[in-house]
């Protein structure tokens, strides 16, 4: 290889022309469609759960005495639940359709889905913490002059809310770990694609 007349340019062209494994577009498409179906199912379940929560809140408001401090919590949970659900739908508004995309667009869609999932769980957990603090504030403010019948409901709401936030935080942690590794995998595929792998 010490020949001064050796054509290094043609060697480079030959090397770049070699077939490489590249990105398996069919596998990527199947994965994107599978994750798209899972996202649509999750959103439908989320909307159904929100509607069930709203119905439960209305039922609780009808059964609760107007002087109960938790009535304020129930009344505030209705618009915040609707608002959070609308935000969740808005966050994923461009991620529900995955038909007719090329490999680069599918990777961008999946990367966007991962980022939206990270945002959803991060904001959802903080939203839950703020709601819990609100429940605690109402419970503590109303505890001094609450009817003894209402005390059990306030304590139950505070304990239930605390457990809900713990479950949400644990789920968020696991989702973040999985999303970070998925994001690294997608970025690697994107780099292969940009290097001419498909």
N, C-alpha and C. Protein backbone atom coordinates (compact mmCIF):
# COMPACT_ATOMS: atom_id res chain seq x y z
N UNK A 1 0.80 -1.19 0.00
CA UNK A 1 0.00 0.00 0.00
C UNK A 1 0.85 1.26 0.00
N UNK A 2 2.11 1.12 -0.14
CA UNK A 2 2.96 2.31 -0.17
C UNK A 2 3.15 2.81 -1.59
N UNK A 3 2.39 2.27 -2.54
CA UNK A 3 2.48 2.68 -3.94
C UNK A 3 1.93 4.10 -4.08
N UNK A 4 2.78 5.04 -4.58
CA UNK A 4 2.32 6.42 -4.72
C UNK A 4 1.24 6.57 -5.79
N UNK A 5 1.09 5.62 -6.70
CA UNK A 5 0.09 5.72 -7.76
C UNK A 5 -1.25 5.05 -7.38
N UNK A 6 -1.34 4.58 -6.15
CA UNK A 6 -2.57 3.89 -5.75
C UNK A 6 -3.72 4.88 -5.71
N UNK A 7 -4.86 4.49 -6.28
CA UNK A 7 -6.04 5.35 -6.37
C UNK A 7 -6.90 5.22 -5.11
N UNK A 8 -6.60 6.07 -4.13
CA UNK A 8 -7.33 6.04 -2.88
C UNK A 8 -8.78 6.48 -3.06
N UNK A 9 -9.04 7.37 -3.98
CA UNK A 9 -10.41 7.84 -4.24
C UNK A 9 -11.32 6.71 -4.70
N UNK A 10 -10.82 5.86 -5.62
CA UNK A 10 -11.66 4.77 -6.10
C UNK A 10 -11.86 3.72 -5.01
N UNK A 11 -10.85 3.52 -4.14
CA UNK A 11 -11.01 2.60 -3.02
C UNK A 11 -12.11 3.10 -2.09
N UNK A 12 -12.12 4.40 -1.83
CA UNK A 12 -13.18 4.98 -0.98
C UNK A 12 -14.55 4.82 -1.62
N UNK A 13 -14.63 5.03 -2.95
CA UNK A 13 -15.91 4.87 -3.65
C UNK A 13 -16.39 3.42 -3.58
N UNK A 14 -15.45 2.48 -3.75
CA UNK A 14 -15.81 1.05 -3.66
C UNK A 14 -16.30 0.71 -2.26
N UNK A 15 -15.63 1.23 -1.26
CA UNK A 15 -16.01 0.94 0.12
C UNK A 15 -17.39 1.48 0.43
N UNK A 16 -17.67 2.71 -0.03
CA UNK A 16 -18.98 3.31 0.22
C UNK A 16 -20.08 2.61 -0.57
N UNK A 17 -19.76 1.98 -1.67
CA UNK A 17 -20.75 1.30 -2.50
C UNK A 17 -21.11 -0.09 -1.98
N UNK A 18 -20.38 -0.57 -0.99
CA UNK A 18 -20.67 -1.89 -0.45
C UNK A 18 -22.06 -1.90 0.16
N UNK A 19 -22.77 -3.01 -0.01
CA UNK A 19 -24.09 -3.09 0.63
C UNK A 19 -23.93 -3.19 2.15
N UNK A 20 -24.78 -2.49 2.86
CA UNK A 20 -24.73 -2.56 4.32
C UNK A 20 -26.08 -3.05 4.82
N UNK A 21 -26.08 -3.49 6.08
CA UNK A 21 -27.32 -4.01 6.65
C UNK A 21 -28.39 -2.93 6.66
N UNK A 22 -28.04 -1.71 7.04
CA UNK A 22 -28.96 -0.59 7.01
C UNK A 22 -30.14 -0.76 7.94
N UNK A 23 -31.15 0.05 7.68
CA UNK A 23 -32.36 0.05 8.48
C UNK A 23 -33.38 -0.86 7.83
N UNK A 24 -33.90 -1.79 8.58
CA UNK A 24 -34.95 -2.68 8.09
C UNK A 24 -36.27 -1.90 8.11
N UNK A 25 -36.63 -1.36 6.96
CA UNK A 25 -37.79 -0.46 6.87
C UNK A 25 -39.09 -1.21 7.17
N UNK A 26 -39.20 -2.45 6.72
CA UNK A 26 -40.43 -3.21 6.98
C UNK A 26 -40.60 -3.47 8.48
N UNK A 27 -39.52 -3.80 9.14
CA UNK A 27 -39.58 -4.02 10.59
C UNK A 27 -39.91 -2.71 11.31
N UNK A 28 -39.30 -1.62 10.86
CA UNK A 28 -39.58 -0.32 11.46
C UNK A 28 -41.05 0.05 11.26
N UNK A 29 -41.57 -0.18 10.06
CA UNK A 29 -42.98 0.15 9.77
C UNK A 29 -43.92 -0.67 10.67
N UNK A 30 -43.61 -1.97 10.84
CA UNK A 30 -44.44 -2.82 11.70
C UNK A 30 -44.39 -2.33 13.15
N UNK A 31 -43.21 -1.93 13.59
CA UNK A 31 -43.06 -1.43 14.96
C UNK A 31 -43.80 -0.12 15.16
N UNK A 32 -43.72 0.77 14.17
CA UNK A 32 -44.40 2.07 14.25
C UNK A 32 -45.91 1.86 14.29
N UNK A 33 -46.41 0.96 13.45
CA UNK A 33 -47.86 0.69 13.45
C UNK A 33 -48.31 0.07 14.76
N UNK A 34 -47.51 -0.85 15.29
CA UNK A 34 -47.86 -1.48 16.56
C UNK A 34 -47.92 -0.44 17.67
N UNK A 35 -46.94 0.43 17.71
CA UNK A 35 -46.92 1.47 18.74
C UNK A 35 -48.02 2.49 18.52
N UNK A 36 -48.37 2.74 17.27
CA UNK A 36 -49.48 3.64 16.97
C UNK A 36 -50.81 3.08 17.47
N UNK A 37 -51.02 1.77 17.25
CA UNK A 37 -52.24 1.13 17.76
C UNK A 37 -52.28 1.19 19.28
N UNK A 38 -51.14 0.94 19.91
CA UNK A 38 -51.07 0.99 21.38
C UNK A 38 -51.37 2.41 21.88
N UNK A 39 -50.86 3.42 21.18
CA UNK A 39 -51.11 4.80 21.57
C UNK A 39 -52.59 5.14 21.44
N UNK A 40 -53.22 4.71 20.34
CA UNK A 40 -54.65 4.98 20.16
C UNK A 40 -55.49 4.28 21.23
N UNK A 41 -55.12 3.04 21.55
CA UNK A 41 -55.83 2.32 22.62
C UNK A 41 -55.64 3.04 23.96
N UNK A 42 -54.43 3.48 24.23
CA UNK A 42 -54.15 4.18 25.49
C UNK A 42 -54.95 5.48 25.58
N UNK A 43 -55.03 6.21 24.47
CA UNK A 43 -55.80 7.45 24.49
C UNK A 43 -57.29 7.19 24.69
N UNK A 44 -57.81 6.16 24.06
CA UNK A 44 -59.23 5.81 24.26
C UNK A 44 -59.48 5.41 25.72
N UNK A 45 -58.58 4.62 26.28
CA UNK A 45 -58.73 4.23 27.69
C UNK A 45 -58.63 5.45 28.60
N UNK A 46 -57.73 6.36 28.26
CA UNK A 46 -57.55 7.56 29.06
C UNK A 46 -58.80 8.43 29.03
N UNK A 47 -59.39 8.60 27.84
CA UNK A 47 -60.62 9.39 27.72
C UNK A 47 -61.76 8.70 28.49
N UNK A 48 -61.86 7.37 28.38
CA UNK A 48 -62.90 6.64 29.11
C UNK A 48 -62.71 6.79 30.62
N UNK A 49 -61.45 6.73 31.08
CA UNK A 49 -61.17 6.89 32.50
C UNK A 49 -61.52 8.31 32.97
N UNK A 50 -61.20 9.30 32.14
CA UNK A 50 -61.55 10.68 32.49
C UNK A 50 -63.06 10.84 32.60
N UNK A 51 -63.80 10.27 31.65
CA UNK A 51 -65.27 10.36 31.72
C UNK A 51 -65.80 9.66 32.97
N UNK A 52 -65.23 8.51 33.31
CA UNK A 52 -65.65 7.80 34.53
C UNK A 52 -65.34 8.64 35.77
N UNK A 53 -64.16 9.28 35.78
CA UNK A 53 -63.80 10.15 36.91
C UNK A 53 -64.75 11.33 37.02
N UNK A 54 -65.11 11.92 35.88
CA UNK A 54 -66.03 13.05 35.90
C UNK A 54 -67.40 12.62 36.42
N UNK A 55 -67.87 11.45 35.98
CA UNK A 55 -69.16 10.95 36.47
C UNK A 55 -69.09 10.69 37.98
N UNK A 56 -67.97 10.15 38.44
CA UNK A 56 -67.80 9.89 39.87
C UNK A 56 -67.78 11.19 40.66
N UNK A 57 -67.10 12.20 40.13
CA UNK A 57 -67.05 13.50 40.81
C UNK A 57 -68.44 14.13 40.91
N UNK A 58 -69.20 14.05 39.82
CA UNK A 58 -70.56 14.60 39.85
C UNK A 58 -71.40 13.83 40.88
N UNK A 59 -71.28 12.52 40.89
CA UNK A 59 -72.01 11.69 41.86
C UNK A 59 -71.62 12.06 43.29
N UNK A 60 -70.31 12.23 43.53
CA UNK A 60 -69.85 12.62 44.87
C UNK A 60 -70.38 13.99 45.28
N UNK A 61 -70.42 14.91 44.31
CA UNK A 61 -70.93 16.24 44.62
C UNK A 61 -72.42 16.19 44.98
N UNK A 62 -73.16 15.33 44.31
CA UNK A 62 -74.58 15.20 44.61
C UNK A 62 -74.83 14.55 45.97
N UNK A 63 -73.93 13.68 46.39
CA UNK A 63 -74.09 12.97 47.67
C UNK A 63 -73.47 13.72 48.84
N UNK A 64 -72.60 14.68 48.56
CA UNK A 64 -71.86 15.35 49.63
C UNK A 64 -72.62 16.55 50.13
N UNK A 65 -72.56 16.73 51.41
CA UNK A 65 -73.18 17.90 52.05
C UNK A 65 -72.48 19.16 51.55
N UNK A 66 -73.23 20.22 51.32
CA UNK A 66 -72.66 21.46 50.78
C UNK A 66 -71.65 22.09 51.73
N UNK A 67 -71.74 21.80 53.01
CA UNK A 67 -70.78 22.39 53.96
C UNK A 67 -69.47 21.60 54.05
N UNK A 68 -69.40 20.46 53.41
CA UNK A 68 -68.19 19.63 53.45
C UNK A 68 -67.07 20.34 52.68
N UNK A 69 -65.90 20.51 53.30
CA UNK A 69 -64.79 21.17 52.61
C UNK A 69 -64.34 20.45 51.33
N UNK A 70 -64.59 19.14 51.25
CA UNK A 70 -64.18 18.39 50.06
C UNK A 70 -65.02 18.76 48.84
N UNK A 71 -66.16 19.42 49.06
CA UNK A 71 -66.99 19.86 47.92
C UNK A 71 -66.18 20.78 47.01
N UNK A 72 -65.35 21.63 47.57
CA UNK A 72 -64.49 22.51 46.78
C UNK A 72 -63.50 21.70 45.96
N UNK A 73 -62.93 20.66 46.55
CA UNK A 73 -61.98 19.80 45.83
C UNK A 73 -62.68 19.12 44.66
N UNK A 74 -63.88 18.57 44.90
CA UNK A 74 -64.62 17.91 43.83
C UNK A 74 -64.92 18.90 42.70
N UNK A 75 -65.33 20.11 43.08
CA UNK A 75 -65.68 21.12 42.07
C UNK A 75 -64.46 21.53 41.26
N UNK A 76 -63.30 21.61 41.89
CA UNK A 76 -62.08 22.01 41.17
C UNK A 76 -61.50 20.87 40.33
N UNK A 77 -61.75 19.64 40.75
CA UNK A 77 -61.22 18.50 39.98
C UNK A 77 -61.89 18.36 38.61
N UNK A 78 -63.11 18.81 38.48
CA UNK A 78 -63.81 18.66 37.20
C UNK A 78 -63.11 19.46 36.10
N UNK A 79 -62.91 20.77 36.23
CA UNK A 79 -62.23 21.49 35.14
C UNK A 79 -60.76 21.10 34.98
N UNK A 80 -60.09 20.74 36.09
CA UNK A 80 -58.68 20.36 35.94
C UNK A 80 -58.55 19.01 35.24
N UNK A 81 -59.48 18.09 35.50
CA UNK A 81 -59.45 16.80 34.80
C UNK A 81 -59.72 16.98 33.31
N UNK A 82 -60.69 17.80 32.99
CA UNK A 82 -60.99 18.08 31.57
C UNK A 82 -59.80 18.76 30.92
N UNK A 83 -59.22 19.73 31.60
CA UNK A 83 -58.06 20.44 31.05
C UNK A 83 -56.87 19.55 30.81
N UNK A 84 -56.58 18.66 31.78
CA UNK A 84 -55.45 17.75 31.60
C UNK A 84 -55.69 16.81 30.44
N UNK A 85 -56.92 16.30 30.31
CA UNK A 85 -57.23 15.40 29.20
C UNK A 85 -57.12 16.11 27.85
N UNK A 86 -57.61 17.33 27.77
CA UNK A 86 -57.48 18.09 26.52
C UNK A 86 -56.01 18.35 26.19
N UNK A 87 -55.21 18.66 27.20
CA UNK A 87 -53.77 18.86 26.97
C UNK A 87 -53.12 17.58 26.46
N UNK A 88 -53.50 16.44 27.04
CA UNK A 88 -52.95 15.16 26.60
C UNK A 88 -53.29 14.87 25.14
N UNK A 89 -54.52 15.15 24.76
CA UNK A 89 -54.92 14.94 23.36
C UNK A 89 -54.19 15.92 22.44
N UNK A 90 -54.04 17.16 22.88
CA UNK A 90 -53.33 18.15 22.07
C UNK A 90 -51.86 17.76 21.91
N UNK A 91 -51.27 17.24 22.97
CA UNK A 91 -49.86 16.83 22.96
C UNK A 91 -49.62 15.77 21.89
N UNK A 92 -50.58 14.89 21.69
CA UNK A 92 -50.39 13.76 20.77
C UNK A 92 -51.17 13.92 19.47
N UNK A 93 -51.61 15.12 19.19
CA UNK A 93 -52.50 15.36 18.04
C UNK A 93 -51.90 14.94 16.70
N UNK A 94 -50.61 15.01 16.53
CA UNK A 94 -49.97 14.67 15.25
C UNK A 94 -49.32 13.29 15.25
N UNK A 95 -49.58 12.52 16.30
CA UNK A 95 -48.89 11.25 16.45
C UNK A 95 -49.79 10.04 16.29
N UNK A 96 -51.02 10.26 15.92
CA UNK A 96 -51.97 9.15 15.82
C UNK A 96 -51.94 8.47 14.46
N UNK A 97 -51.56 9.18 13.42
CA UNK A 97 -51.54 8.62 12.07
C UNK A 97 -50.11 8.27 11.69
N UNK A 98 -49.94 7.07 11.14
CA UNK A 98 -48.60 6.64 10.74
C UNK A 98 -48.60 5.99 9.37
N UNK A 99 -49.64 6.22 8.56
CA UNK A 99 -49.71 5.63 7.22
C UNK A 99 -48.92 6.44 6.20
N UNK A 100 -48.33 5.75 5.24
CA UNK A 100 -47.68 6.40 4.11
C UNK A 100 -46.42 7.17 4.42
N UNK A 101 -45.72 6.81 5.47
CA UNK A 101 -44.49 7.53 5.84
C UNK A 101 -43.27 6.78 5.34
N UNK A 102 -42.25 7.53 4.95
CA UNK A 102 -40.99 6.88 4.61
C UNK A 102 -40.21 6.63 5.91
N UNK A 103 -39.04 6.02 5.79
CA UNK A 103 -38.28 5.61 6.98
C UNK A 103 -37.90 6.82 7.84
N UNK A 104 -37.46 7.90 7.22
CA UNK A 104 -37.05 9.08 7.99
C UNK A 104 -38.25 9.67 8.74
N UNK A 105 -39.39 9.74 8.08
CA UNK A 105 -40.59 10.29 8.73
C UNK A 105 -41.07 9.38 9.85
N UNK A 106 -40.97 8.06 9.66
CA UNK A 106 -41.36 7.13 10.73
C UNK A 106 -40.47 7.30 11.95
N UNK A 107 -39.17 7.48 11.72
CA UNK A 107 -38.26 7.68 12.85
C UNK A 107 -38.57 8.99 13.57
N UNK A 108 -38.85 10.04 12.82
CA UNK A 108 -39.21 11.32 13.43
C UNK A 108 -40.49 11.20 14.24
N UNK A 109 -41.47 10.47 13.68
CA UNK A 109 -42.73 10.25 14.39
C UNK A 109 -42.49 9.52 15.70
N UNK A 110 -41.69 8.45 15.66
CA UNK A 110 -41.42 7.68 16.87
C UNK A 110 -40.64 8.49 17.90
N UNK A 111 -39.68 9.27 17.44
CA UNK A 111 -38.93 10.13 18.36
C UNK A 111 -39.87 11.14 19.00
N UNK A 112 -40.78 11.71 18.21
CA UNK A 112 -41.79 12.63 18.75
C UNK A 112 -42.69 11.94 19.76
N UNK A 113 -43.08 10.70 19.48
CA UNK A 113 -43.91 9.95 20.42
C UNK A 113 -43.19 9.73 21.75
N UNK A 114 -41.90 9.42 21.67
CA UNK A 114 -41.12 9.21 22.90
C UNK A 114 -41.04 10.51 23.69
N UNK A 115 -40.75 11.61 23.01
CA UNK A 115 -40.66 12.90 23.70
C UNK A 115 -42.00 13.29 24.32
N UNK A 116 -43.09 13.03 23.61
CA UNK A 116 -44.42 13.34 24.16
C UNK A 116 -44.73 12.48 25.37
N UNK A 117 -44.34 11.21 25.31
CA UNK A 117 -44.54 10.33 26.46
C UNK A 117 -43.76 10.81 27.68
N UNK A 118 -42.52 11.23 27.45
CA UNK A 118 -41.72 11.76 28.55
C UNK A 118 -42.37 13.00 29.15
N UNK A 119 -42.83 13.89 28.29
CA UNK A 119 -43.49 15.12 28.74
C UNK A 119 -44.78 14.79 29.50
N UNK A 120 -45.55 13.86 28.96
CA UNK A 120 -46.82 13.49 29.58
C UNK A 120 -46.60 12.98 31.00
N UNK A 121 -45.68 12.04 31.18
CA UNK A 121 -45.47 11.48 32.50
C UNK A 121 -44.83 12.47 33.46
N UNK A 122 -43.93 13.29 32.96
CA UNK A 122 -43.29 14.29 33.84
C UNK A 122 -44.33 15.31 34.31
N UNK A 123 -45.07 15.89 33.36
CA UNK A 123 -46.07 16.91 33.74
C UNK A 123 -47.22 16.28 34.53
N UNK A 124 -47.61 15.06 34.16
CA UNK A 124 -48.70 14.40 34.87
C UNK A 124 -48.37 14.14 36.33
N UNK A 125 -47.13 13.77 36.59
CA UNK A 125 -46.73 13.54 37.98
C UNK A 125 -46.72 14.84 38.77
N UNK A 126 -46.19 15.91 38.17
CA UNK A 126 -46.19 17.20 38.88
C UNK A 126 -47.61 17.73 39.05
N UNK A 127 -48.45 17.48 38.06
CA UNK A 127 -49.86 17.87 38.17
C UNK A 127 -50.50 17.14 39.35
N UNK A 128 -50.20 15.85 39.49
CA UNK A 128 -50.72 15.07 40.60
C UNK A 128 -50.22 15.59 41.94
N UNK A 129 -48.95 15.98 41.99
CA UNK A 129 -48.40 16.53 43.24
C UNK A 129 -49.11 17.82 43.61
N UNK A 130 -49.33 18.69 42.62
CA UNK A 130 -50.03 19.96 42.89
C UNK A 130 -51.47 19.71 43.34
N UNK A 131 -52.15 18.76 42.70
CA UNK A 131 -53.51 18.42 43.13
C UNK A 131 -53.51 17.90 44.56
N UNK A 132 -52.54 17.05 44.87
CA UNK A 132 -52.46 16.50 46.21
C UNK A 132 -52.22 17.60 47.24
N UNK A 133 -51.34 18.53 46.92
CA UNK A 133 -51.11 19.66 47.83
C UNK A 133 -52.38 20.48 48.02
N UNK A 134 -53.15 20.63 46.93
CA UNK A 134 -54.44 21.34 47.04
C UNK A 134 -55.41 20.60 47.94
N UNK A 135 -55.47 19.28 47.80
CA UNK A 135 -56.36 18.48 48.67
C UNK A 135 -55.91 18.61 50.12
N UNK A 136 -54.58 18.54 50.35
CA UNK A 136 -54.08 18.69 51.71
C UNK A 136 -54.41 20.07 52.28
N UNK A 137 -54.27 21.10 51.47
CA UNK A 137 -54.56 22.46 51.94
C UNK A 137 -56.03 22.60 52.31
N UNK A 138 -56.92 22.08 51.46
CA UNK A 138 -58.35 22.16 51.76
C UNK A 138 -58.68 21.34 53.00
N UNK A 139 -58.09 20.15 53.10
CA UNK A 139 -58.36 19.29 54.25
C UNK A 139 -57.87 19.94 55.54
N UNK A 140 -56.68 20.51 55.51
CA UNK A 140 -56.15 21.14 56.72
C UNK A 140 -56.93 22.40 57.08
N UNK A 141 -57.32 23.17 56.08
CA UNK A 141 -58.08 24.39 56.35
C UNK A 141 -59.46 24.06 56.90
N UNK A 142 -60.06 23.00 56.40
CA UNK A 142 -61.41 22.67 56.85
C UNK A 142 -61.46 21.76 58.05
N UNK A 143 -60.33 21.23 58.47
CA UNK A 143 -60.31 20.25 59.56
C UNK A 143 -60.75 20.86 60.90
N UNK A 144 -60.36 22.11 61.14
CA UNK A 144 -60.66 22.73 62.43
C UNK A 144 -62.17 22.92 62.64
N UNK A 145 -62.86 23.32 61.61
CA UNK A 145 -64.29 23.61 61.78
C UNK A 145 -65.18 22.67 60.95
N UNK A 146 -64.65 21.50 60.63
CA UNK A 146 -65.43 20.54 59.85
C UNK A 146 -66.31 19.72 60.76
N UNK A 147 -67.41 19.32 60.22
CA UNK A 147 -68.30 18.39 60.89
C UNK A 147 -67.52 17.08 61.06
N UNK A 148 -67.61 16.44 62.21
CA UNK A 148 -66.86 15.18 62.40
C UNK A 148 -67.19 14.13 61.34
N UNK A 149 -68.37 14.19 60.76
CA UNK A 149 -68.73 13.25 59.69
C UNK A 149 -67.87 13.48 58.44
N UNK A 150 -67.43 14.71 58.23
CA UNK A 150 -66.65 15.05 57.03
C UNK A 150 -65.17 14.73 57.19
N UNK A 151 -64.72 14.58 58.41
CA UNK A 151 -63.28 14.36 58.67
C UNK A 151 -62.77 13.09 58.01
N UNK A 152 -63.55 12.03 58.10
CA UNK A 152 -63.13 10.76 57.49
C UNK A 152 -62.94 10.88 55.98
N UNK A 153 -63.84 11.60 55.32
CA UNK A 153 -63.72 11.79 53.87
C UNK A 153 -62.49 12.60 53.50
N UNK A 154 -62.19 13.62 54.32
CA UNK A 154 -61.00 14.43 54.03
C UNK A 154 -59.72 13.62 54.23
N UNK A 155 -59.69 12.83 55.28
CA UNK A 155 -58.51 12.01 55.53
C UNK A 155 -58.37 10.94 54.43
N UNK A 156 -59.49 10.34 54.07
CA UNK A 156 -59.47 9.34 52.98
C UNK A 156 -59.00 9.94 51.67
N UNK A 157 -59.48 11.14 51.35
CA UNK A 157 -59.05 11.81 50.12
C UNK A 157 -57.56 12.12 50.14
N UNK A 158 -57.05 12.54 51.30
CA UNK A 158 -55.63 12.86 51.40
C UNK A 158 -54.77 11.60 51.26
N UNK A 159 -55.19 10.50 51.90
CA UNK A 159 -54.42 9.25 51.81
C UNK A 159 -54.50 8.68 50.40
N UNK A 160 -55.71 8.66 49.83
CA UNK A 160 -55.87 8.16 48.46
C UNK A 160 -55.08 8.97 47.46
N UNK A 161 -55.10 10.28 47.61
CA UNK A 161 -54.32 11.13 46.72
C UNK A 161 -52.83 10.89 46.84
N UNK A 162 -52.36 10.69 48.08
CA UNK A 162 -50.94 10.40 48.30
C UNK A 162 -50.52 9.10 47.64
N UNK A 163 -51.35 8.08 47.79
CA UNK A 163 -51.03 6.80 47.14
C UNK A 163 -51.05 6.94 45.62
N UNK A 164 -52.01 7.69 45.11
CA UNK A 164 -52.08 7.91 43.66
C UNK A 164 -50.84 8.60 43.12
N UNK A 165 -50.35 9.59 43.84
CA UNK A 165 -49.14 10.30 43.40
C UNK A 165 -47.93 9.39 43.48
N UNK A 166 -47.85 8.54 44.50
CA UNK A 166 -46.72 7.59 44.58
C UNK A 166 -46.73 6.61 43.41
N UNK A 167 -47.90 6.10 43.07
CA UNK A 167 -48.01 5.18 41.93
C UNK A 167 -47.63 5.91 40.64
N UNK A 168 -48.11 7.13 40.49
CA UNK A 168 -47.79 7.91 39.29
C UNK A 168 -46.29 8.19 39.20
N UNK A 169 -45.67 8.53 40.31
CA UNK A 169 -44.23 8.81 40.30
C UNK A 169 -43.43 7.55 39.97
N UNK A 170 -43.83 6.41 40.52
CA UNK A 170 -43.11 5.16 40.22
C UNK A 170 -43.28 4.79 38.75
N UNK A 171 -44.50 4.91 38.24
CA UNK A 171 -44.75 4.62 36.83
C UNK A 171 -43.96 5.57 35.94
N UNK A 172 -43.94 6.83 36.31
CA UNK A 172 -43.18 7.81 35.54
C UNK A 172 -41.70 7.47 35.50
N UNK A 173 -41.15 7.02 36.60
CA UNK A 173 -39.74 6.66 36.65
C UNK A 173 -39.45 5.50 35.70
N UNK A 174 -40.29 4.45 35.75
CA UNK A 174 -40.10 3.30 34.86
C UNK A 174 -40.30 3.70 33.39
N UNK A 175 -41.29 4.53 33.11
CA UNK A 175 -41.53 4.97 31.74
C UNK A 175 -40.34 5.79 31.23
N UNK A 176 -39.78 6.64 32.07
CA UNK A 176 -38.62 7.45 31.66
C UNK A 176 -37.42 6.56 31.34
N UNK A 177 -37.18 5.56 32.14
CA UNK A 177 -36.05 4.66 31.87
C UNK A 177 -36.22 3.96 30.53
N UNK A 178 -37.40 3.43 30.29
CA UNK A 178 -37.67 2.74 29.03
C UNK A 178 -37.59 3.71 27.84
N UNK A 179 -38.10 4.91 28.03
CA UNK A 179 -38.11 5.89 26.95
C UNK A 179 -36.69 6.34 26.59
N UNK A 180 -35.84 6.48 27.58
CA UNK A 180 -34.45 6.90 27.30
C UNK A 180 -33.73 5.86 26.45
N UNK A 181 -33.90 4.59 26.76
CA UNK A 181 -33.23 3.56 25.96
C UNK A 181 -33.86 3.49 24.57
N UNK A 182 -35.17 3.65 24.48
CA UNK A 182 -35.84 3.66 23.17
C UNK A 182 -35.36 4.84 22.34
N UNK A 183 -35.20 5.98 22.95
CA UNK A 183 -34.73 7.17 22.25
C UNK A 183 -33.32 6.95 21.71
N UNK A 184 -32.46 6.32 22.50
CA UNK A 184 -31.10 6.03 22.03
C UNK A 184 -31.14 5.08 20.83
N UNK A 185 -32.00 4.07 20.89
CA UNK A 185 -32.16 3.12 19.78
C UNK A 185 -32.65 3.85 18.51
N UNK A 186 -33.63 4.71 18.67
CA UNK A 186 -34.17 5.44 17.51
C UNK A 186 -33.13 6.40 16.92
N UNK A 187 -32.36 7.04 17.78
CA UNK A 187 -31.30 7.94 17.29
C UNK A 187 -30.24 7.15 16.53
N UNK A 188 -29.95 5.94 17.00
CA UNK A 188 -28.98 5.09 16.29
C UNK A 188 -29.51 4.72 14.90
N UNK A 189 -30.78 4.35 14.84
CA UNK A 189 -31.39 4.04 13.53
C UNK A 189 -31.37 5.26 12.62
N UNK A 190 -31.64 6.42 13.20
CA UNK A 190 -31.63 7.65 12.42
C UNK A 190 -30.24 7.94 11.87
N UNK A 191 -29.22 7.70 12.67
CA UNK A 191 -27.85 7.91 12.20
C UNK A 191 -27.51 6.93 11.09
N UNK A 192 -27.95 5.68 11.22
CA UNK A 192 -27.72 4.71 10.13
C UNK A 192 -28.42 5.14 8.85
N UNK A 193 -29.62 5.64 8.99
CA UNK A 193 -30.39 6.09 7.84
C UNK A 193 -29.72 7.29 7.18
N UNK A 194 -29.22 8.20 7.99
CA UNK A 194 -28.54 9.38 7.44
C UNK A 194 -27.23 9.03 6.79
N UNK A 195 -26.63 7.89 7.19
CA UNK A 195 -25.38 7.44 6.57
C UNK A 195 -25.64 6.65 5.32
N UNK A 196 -26.92 6.56 4.92
CA UNK A 196 -27.25 5.86 3.67
C UNK A 196 -27.62 4.43 3.87
N UNK A 197 -28.17 4.08 5.04
CA UNK A 197 -28.49 2.70 5.32
C UNK A 197 -29.79 2.22 4.72
N UNK A 198 -30.59 3.12 4.13
CA UNK A 198 -31.87 2.63 3.57
C UNK A 198 -32.13 3.37 2.27
